[in-house]
Amino acid sequence: MTYKTILLHVNDERRVARLVSVAAQIADRFQAHVIGLYVLPPVPTYGATSAGARMIASSLGAFRQEAERVHAAFEEACKGHPVVAEWRLIEPKQRGVAETIMDHARAADLLIVSQRDPEFDFTTLLDVPDRLVIETGRPVLIVPRVGSYPTIGKRITIAWNGRRESARAAFDALPFLQRAESVRIVWVNPRAEKEAAGDLPTVEIATTLARHGVKCEAATSSAPDLGVGDALLSSFADDGTDLLVMGAYGHSRFRELVFGGATRHILEHMTVPALLSH
C-alpha cells in the first residue's frame, strides 16, 4: 500500500505555500502525483433581477481572480520540489464546494486540506475539512492553519480506542507508519471504556502493525483531569510527534455535523498535522 495520487485542496493564497510544502514532501517520499484543486463556490442565479445578476457576476469575478492568485501561488510553491503537479479549477455551478471536492477526492489515495481559518473571510464557505473527513471515505490529512512542518511522519502518535474509526485510521496510515522512525500507539484514559479496553488495550494493534514492519510502542495515558484531545496535544512537544493519526467520530444530523469531543477539540486546536479517517 502506498499513496500515488494526492489531492490538495487550496482556496486561500496565504496558506498555499504551507500546504504545498507538506504535499511535496509526501509526494517525494511516495513518488506520488499531486493535484491542486480550487473550487469556485456556487452562486444562485435563478430568479435574479438585473441588479442581482450584476452582483452575481461581480462575486464570480472576484472568486475567479482569487483562483488566479491561488494558482500562481501554487505554481510558485511547487518550484524547487521534485513533484509532478497538476492544477484543476472547477466551477461547479449549483453543486456545493464540499460535494465537488469529494467527487475528486474519492479517486485519490490521500486528501490534504487546511484547518479552518477564522481570519479567512470565506472560511465558512470554502473551508470544509470537517465534512470531508466524515463524508469522503478517504484518509484526510489536515494541516494546521499556522506554523511550518519540515517533517511529516517521522514520529507518529496513533490515538487508539479499539473502535471502527481508529482501526480505519491506523490502516489508512500504513504508508506513513512503515517509514516512520517511531510510532507510539496510545489510549488515553482506557479505563473509562472498560468493555472495549481490556487489560492491555494497545498491545494487539501494535503486534499487528509490527507484522507490517512498523516500529511501534504500545502505551496508555492516564489524564483524568484532561479531555482526550488536550491529553494528546500536551504530549506532542515532549515526544516530538509530527503527525497524529486518529479516527474521526461524528455524524450528520439535520445538515449539521456533530462531532465527538476529542475529534472536535483536535479540529479546533491542532498543533501538528493530523491524518483522520471515518
Protein backbone atom coordinates (compact mmCIF):
# COMPACT_ATOMS: atom_id res chain seq x y z
CA MET A 1 0.00 0.00 0.00
CA THR A 2 1.20 3.50 -0.84
CA TYR A 3 -0.04 6.94 -1.80
CA LYS A 4 0.26 7.60 -5.54
CA THR A 5 -2.40 10.27 -6.10
CA ILE A 6 -2.60 13.17 -3.66
CA LEU A 7 -5.40 15.71 -3.91
CA LEU A 8 -4.54 19.07 -2.38
CA HIS A 9 -7.45 21.44 -1.78
CA VAL A 10 -6.35 25.10 -1.86
CA ASN A 11 -8.59 28.14 -1.51
CA ASP A 12 -6.58 30.87 0.23
CA GLU A 13 -3.44 32.47 -1.22
CA ARG A 14 -1.92 32.90 2.26
CA ARG A 15 -1.99 29.18 3.07
CA VAL A 16 -0.89 27.75 -0.29
CA ALA A 17 2.85 27.60 0.41
CA ARG A 18 2.35 25.73 3.71
CA LEU A 19 0.05 23.18 2.10
CA VAL A 20 2.28 22.66 -0.93
CA SER A 21 5.31 22.17 1.33
CA VAL A 22 3.50 19.34 3.13
CA ALA A 23 2.14 17.79 -0.06
CA ALA A 24 5.50 18.00 -1.85
CA GLN A 25 7.47 16.20 0.84
CA ILE A 26 4.85 13.43 0.98
CA ALA A 27 4.75 13.18 -2.82
CA ASP A 28 8.55 12.96 -2.96
CA ARG A 29 8.54 10.18 -0.36
CA PHE A 30 5.97 8.08 -2.23
CA GLN A 31 6.68 9.21 -5.80
CA ALA A 32 3.12 10.50 -5.99
CA HIS A 33 1.23 12.77 -8.35
CA VAL A 34 -0.15 15.98 -6.75
CA ILE A 35 -3.37 17.62 -7.91
CA GLY A 36 -4.00 21.18 -6.75
CA LEU A 37 -7.75 21.82 -6.66
CA TYR A 38 -9.58 25.14 -6.40
CA VAL A 39 -13.38 25.01 -6.36
CA LEU A 40 -15.38 28.14 -7.09
CA PRO A 41 -18.37 28.50 -4.76
CA PRO A 42 -21.83 28.02 -6.25
CA VAL A 43 -23.75 31.25 -6.78
CA PRO A 44 -27.55 31.05 -7.11
CA THR A 45 -28.72 32.57 -10.38
CA TYR A 46 -32.38 31.62 -10.54
CA GLY A 47 -34.87 34.43 -10.18
CA ALA A 48 -32.19 37.12 -10.25
CA THR A 49 -33.15 40.68 -11.09
CA SER A 50 -30.87 42.66 -13.38
CA ALA A 51 -29.26 44.25 -10.32
CA GLY A 52 -28.92 40.84 -8.70
CA ALA A 53 -27.37 39.42 -11.86
CA ARG A 54 -24.73 42.16 -11.77
CA MET A 55 -23.93 41.33 -8.14
CA ILE A 56 -23.64 37.63 -9.02
CA ALA A 57 -21.32 38.39 -11.91
CA SER A 58 -19.20 40.62 -9.67
CA SER A 59 -18.93 37.91 -6.99
CA LEU A 60 -17.95 35.26 -9.52
CA GLY A 61 -15.38 37.63 -11.00
CA ALA A 62 -13.83 38.21 -7.57
CA PHE A 63 -13.54 34.48 -6.89
CA ARG A 64 -12.05 33.84 -10.34
CA GLN A 65 -9.42 36.50 -9.63
CA GLU A 66 -8.66 34.84 -6.29
CA ALA A 67 -8.40 31.49 -8.09
CA GLU A 68 -5.79 33.02 -10.41
CA ARG A 69 -3.79 34.27 -7.42
CA VAL A 70 -4.01 30.88 -5.72
CA HIS A 71 -2.93 29.18 -8.94
CA ALA A 72 0.09 31.47 -9.22
CA ALA A 73 0.97 30.81 -5.57
CA PHE A 74 0.59 27.05 -6.18
CA GLU A 75 2.93 27.11 -9.19
CA GLU A 76 5.47 29.22 -7.32
CA ALA A 77 5.38 26.97 -4.26
CA CYS A 78 5.90 23.87 -6.42
CA LYS A 79 9.14 25.26 -7.86
CA GLY A 80 12.18 23.53 -6.46
CA HIS A 81 10.23 20.46 -5.37
CA PRO A 82 10.72 17.18 -7.29
CA VAL A 83 7.00 16.74 -7.71
CA VAL A 84 4.69 16.24 -10.69
CA ALA A 85 1.88 18.73 -10.08
CA GLU A 86 -1.44 19.28 -11.84
CA TRP A 87 -3.81 22.23 -11.45
CA ARG A 88 -7.60 21.98 -11.54
CA LEU A 89 -10.02 24.89 -11.41
CA ILE A 90 -13.61 23.71 -11.06
CA GLU A 91 -16.72 25.83 -11.41
CA PRO A 92 -19.48 23.52 -10.18
CA LYS A 93 -22.44 25.81 -10.94
CA GLN A 94 -25.05 24.72 -8.39
CA ARG A 95 -23.08 21.90 -6.75
CA GLY A 96 -21.56 22.73 -3.37
CA VAL A 97 -17.85 23.17 -2.64
CA ALA A 98 -17.62 20.14 -0.32
CA GLU A 99 -19.53 17.87 -2.70
CA THR A 100 -17.29 18.89 -5.60
CA ILE A 101 -14.10 18.24 -3.63
CA MET A 102 -15.47 14.82 -2.67
CA ASP A 103 -16.03 13.93 -6.33
CA HIS A 104 -12.30 14.36 -6.94
CA ALA A 105 -11.10 13.06 -3.56
CA ARG A 106 -12.76 9.67 -3.96
CA ALA A 107 -10.41 8.96 -6.86
CA ALA A 108 -7.33 9.88 -4.81
CA ASP A 109 -5.24 7.96 -2.26
CA LEU A 110 -4.89 10.88 0.14
CA LEU A 111 -6.63 14.24 0.55
CA ILE A 112 -4.70 17.17 2.07
CA VAL A 113 -6.59 20.23 3.33
CA SER A 114 -6.10 23.10 5.72
CA GLN A 115 -7.61 23.51 9.16
CA ARG A 116 -10.36 26.12 9.19
CA ASP A 117 -9.02 29.66 9.49
CA PRO A 118 -11.36 32.13 11.24
CA GLU A 119 -9.31 35.03 9.83
CA PHE A 120 -10.14 33.96 6.27
CA ASP A 121 -13.15 35.96 5.04
CA PHE A 122 -14.64 32.96 3.25
CA THR A 123 -13.82 30.25 5.78
CA THR A 124 -17.48 29.29 6.27
CA LEU A 125 -18.00 28.98 2.53
CA LEU A 126 -14.70 27.43 1.38
CA ASP A 127 -13.06 25.70 4.40
CA VAL A 128 -14.79 22.33 4.76
CA PRO A 129 -12.30 19.91 6.39
CA ASP A 130 -14.90 18.59 8.83
CA ARG A 131 -17.29 17.49 6.10
CA LEU A 132 -14.50 15.99 4.02
CA VAL A 133 -13.30 13.85 6.92
CA ILE A 134 -16.77 12.44 7.57
CA GLU A 135 -18.08 12.09 4.02
CA THR A 136 -15.28 11.34 1.54
CA GLY A 137 -14.42 7.81 2.63
CA ARG A 138 -10.75 8.67 2.12
CA PRO A 139 -7.95 9.47 4.61
CA VAL A 140 -7.75 13.24 5.10
CA LEU A 141 -4.54 14.92 6.23
CA ILE A 142 -5.41 18.24 7.88
CA VAL A 143 -2.61 20.81 8.14
CA PRO A 144 -2.79 23.41 10.93
CA ARG A 145 -3.56 26.92 9.71
CA VAL A 146 -0.32 28.27 11.25
CA GLY A 147 3.22 27.01 11.64
CA SER A 148 5.68 25.21 9.40
CA TYR A 149 6.12 21.45 9.12
CA PRO A 150 9.51 20.47 7.69
CA THR A 151 8.95 16.83 8.66
CA ILE A 152 5.75 14.81 8.43
CA GLY A 153 5.56 11.29 9.76
CA LYS A 154 8.98 10.71 11.31
CA ARG A 155 7.49 10.46 14.79
CA ILE A 156 3.85 9.41 14.77
CA THR A 157 1.25 9.14 17.52
CA ILE A 158 -1.77 6.91 16.87
CA ALA A 159 -4.77 7.68 19.06
CA TRP A 160 -6.33 4.26 19.60
CA ASN A 161 -9.52 3.18 21.35
CA GLY A 162 -10.38 -0.06 19.56
CA ARG A 163 -13.31 1.37 17.62
CA ARG A 164 -14.04 1.17 13.89
CA GLU A 165 -12.82 4.69 13.15
CA SER A 166 -9.48 4.30 14.90
CA ALA A 167 -8.88 0.99 13.11
CA ARG A 168 -9.66 2.63 9.78
CA ALA A 169 -7.24 5.48 10.50
CA ALA A 170 -4.41 3.19 11.62
CA PHE A 171 -4.54 1.08 8.46
CA ASP A 172 -5.12 4.09 6.19
CA ALA A 173 -1.88 5.50 7.61
CA LEU A 174 0.22 2.36 6.93
CA PRO A 175 2.40 4.02 4.25
CA PHE A 176 3.43 6.65 6.83
CA LEU A 177 3.77 4.14 9.65
CA GLN A 178 6.05 1.81 7.70
CA ARG A 179 8.50 4.64 7.01
CA ALA A 180 8.38 6.29 10.43
CA GLU A 181 11.32 6.36 12.82
CA SER A 182 9.00 5.77 15.74
CA VAL A 183 5.29 5.11 16.25
CA ARG A 184 3.56 5.48 19.59
CA ILE A 185 0.11 3.91 19.96
CA VAL A 186 -1.71 5.48 22.87
CA TRP A 187 -5.09 5.02 24.50
CA VAL A 188 -5.97 7.94 26.76
CA ASN A 189 -7.91 7.00 29.90
CA PRO A 190 -8.65 3.42 28.74
CA ARG A 191 -10.39 2.54 31.99
CA ALA A 192 -13.14 4.99 31.11
CA GLU A 193 -14.18 2.48 28.40
CA LYS A 194 -13.81 -0.79 30.31
CA GLU A 195 -15.69 -3.02 27.87
CA ALA A 196 -13.52 -2.08 24.91
CA ALA A 197 -10.19 -1.56 26.63
CA GLY A 198 -9.27 -4.93 28.10
CA ASP A 199 -6.13 -5.44 30.16
CA LEU A 200 -3.57 -4.39 27.52
CA PRO A 201 -5.60 -2.17 25.20
CA THR A 202 -2.93 -1.24 22.63
CA VAL A 203 -0.78 -4.38 22.52
CA GLU A 204 -2.78 -6.30 19.91
CA ILE A 205 -2.85 -3.47 17.34
CA ALA A 206 0.87 -2.88 17.99
CA THR A 207 1.57 -6.55 17.27
CA THR A 208 -0.45 -6.45 14.06
CA LEU A 209 1.31 -3.31 12.84
CA ALA A 210 4.68 -4.82 13.71
CA ARG A 211 3.92 -7.62 11.25
CA HIS A 212 3.74 -4.87 8.62
CA GLY A 213 7.22 -3.72 9.59
CA VAL A 214 6.07 -0.84 11.78
CA LYS A 215 8.37 0.02 14.69
CA CYS A 216 5.81 0.79 17.34
CA GLU A 217 5.44 1.25 21.05
CA ALA A 218 2.20 0.38 22.85
CA ALA A 219 1.18 2.76 25.60
CA THR A 220 -1.69 4.09 27.65
CA SER A 221 -2.08 7.53 29.13
CA SER A 222 -3.96 8.41 32.27
CA ALA A 223 -5.11 12.02 32.32
CA PRO A 224 -8.40 12.07 34.22
CA ASP A 225 -8.27 15.84 34.64
CA LEU A 226 -7.88 16.44 30.89
CA GLY A 227 -10.05 15.63 27.92
CA VAL A 228 -8.62 13.17 25.39
CA GLY A 229 -7.85 15.95 22.91
CA ASP A 230 -5.94 18.02 25.46
CA ALA A 231 -4.07 14.97 26.73
CA LEU A 232 -2.91 14.13 23.21
CA LEU A 233 -1.89 17.69 22.36
CA SER A 234 0.04 18.16 25.59
CA SER A 235 2.19 15.09 24.85
CA PHE A 236 3.35 16.10 21.37
CA ALA A 237 6.00 18.61 22.43
CA ASP A 238 7.52 16.09 24.84
CA ASP A 239 7.87 13.22 22.38
CA GLY A 240 8.40 15.19 19.15
CA THR A 241 5.26 13.94 17.41
CA ASP A 242 4.98 15.43 13.91
CA LEU A 243 1.89 13.50 12.78
CA LEU A 244 -1.24 12.43 14.64
CA VAL A 245 -3.30 9.51 13.32
CA MET A 246 -6.80 9.17 14.74
CA GLY A 247 -10.33 8.14 13.94
CA ALA A 248 -12.86 10.91 13.41
CA TYR A 249 -16.03 10.39 15.40
CA GLY A 250 -19.13 12.18 14.20
CA HIS A 251 -22.21 12.16 12.01
CA SER A 252 -24.51 14.49 10.12
CA ARG A 253 -27.76 15.46 11.78
CA PHE A 254 -30.21 17.78 10.04
CA ARG A 255 -27.35 19.03 7.83
CA GLU A 256 -25.24 19.80 10.90
CA LEU A 257 -22.09 17.89 11.74
CA VAL A 258 -21.99 16.54 15.27
CA PHE A 259 -18.50 15.51 16.41
CA GLY A 260 -17.19 13.61 19.37
CA GLY A 261 -15.35 15.73 21.94
CA ALA A 262 -11.81 14.60 21.05
CA THR A 263 -12.36 14.98 17.29
CA ARG A 264 -13.85 18.44 17.70
CA HIS A 265 -11.02 19.51 20.00
CA ILE A 266 -8.31 18.35 17.59
CA LEU A 267 -10.03 20.03 14.62
CA GLU A 268 -10.12 23.33 16.52
CA HIS A 269 -6.79 23.25 18.40
CA MET A 270 -4.44 21.04 16.38
CA THR A 271 -0.71 21.78 16.66
CA VAL A 272 0.64 19.13 14.25
CA PRO A 273 -0.80 17.72 11.02
CA ALA A 274 -3.40 15.05 11.65
CA LEU A 275 -4.48 12.15 9.44
CA LEU A 276 -8.13 11.44 10.16
CA SER A 277 -10.38 8.70 8.86
CA HIS A 278 -14.05 7.98 9.41
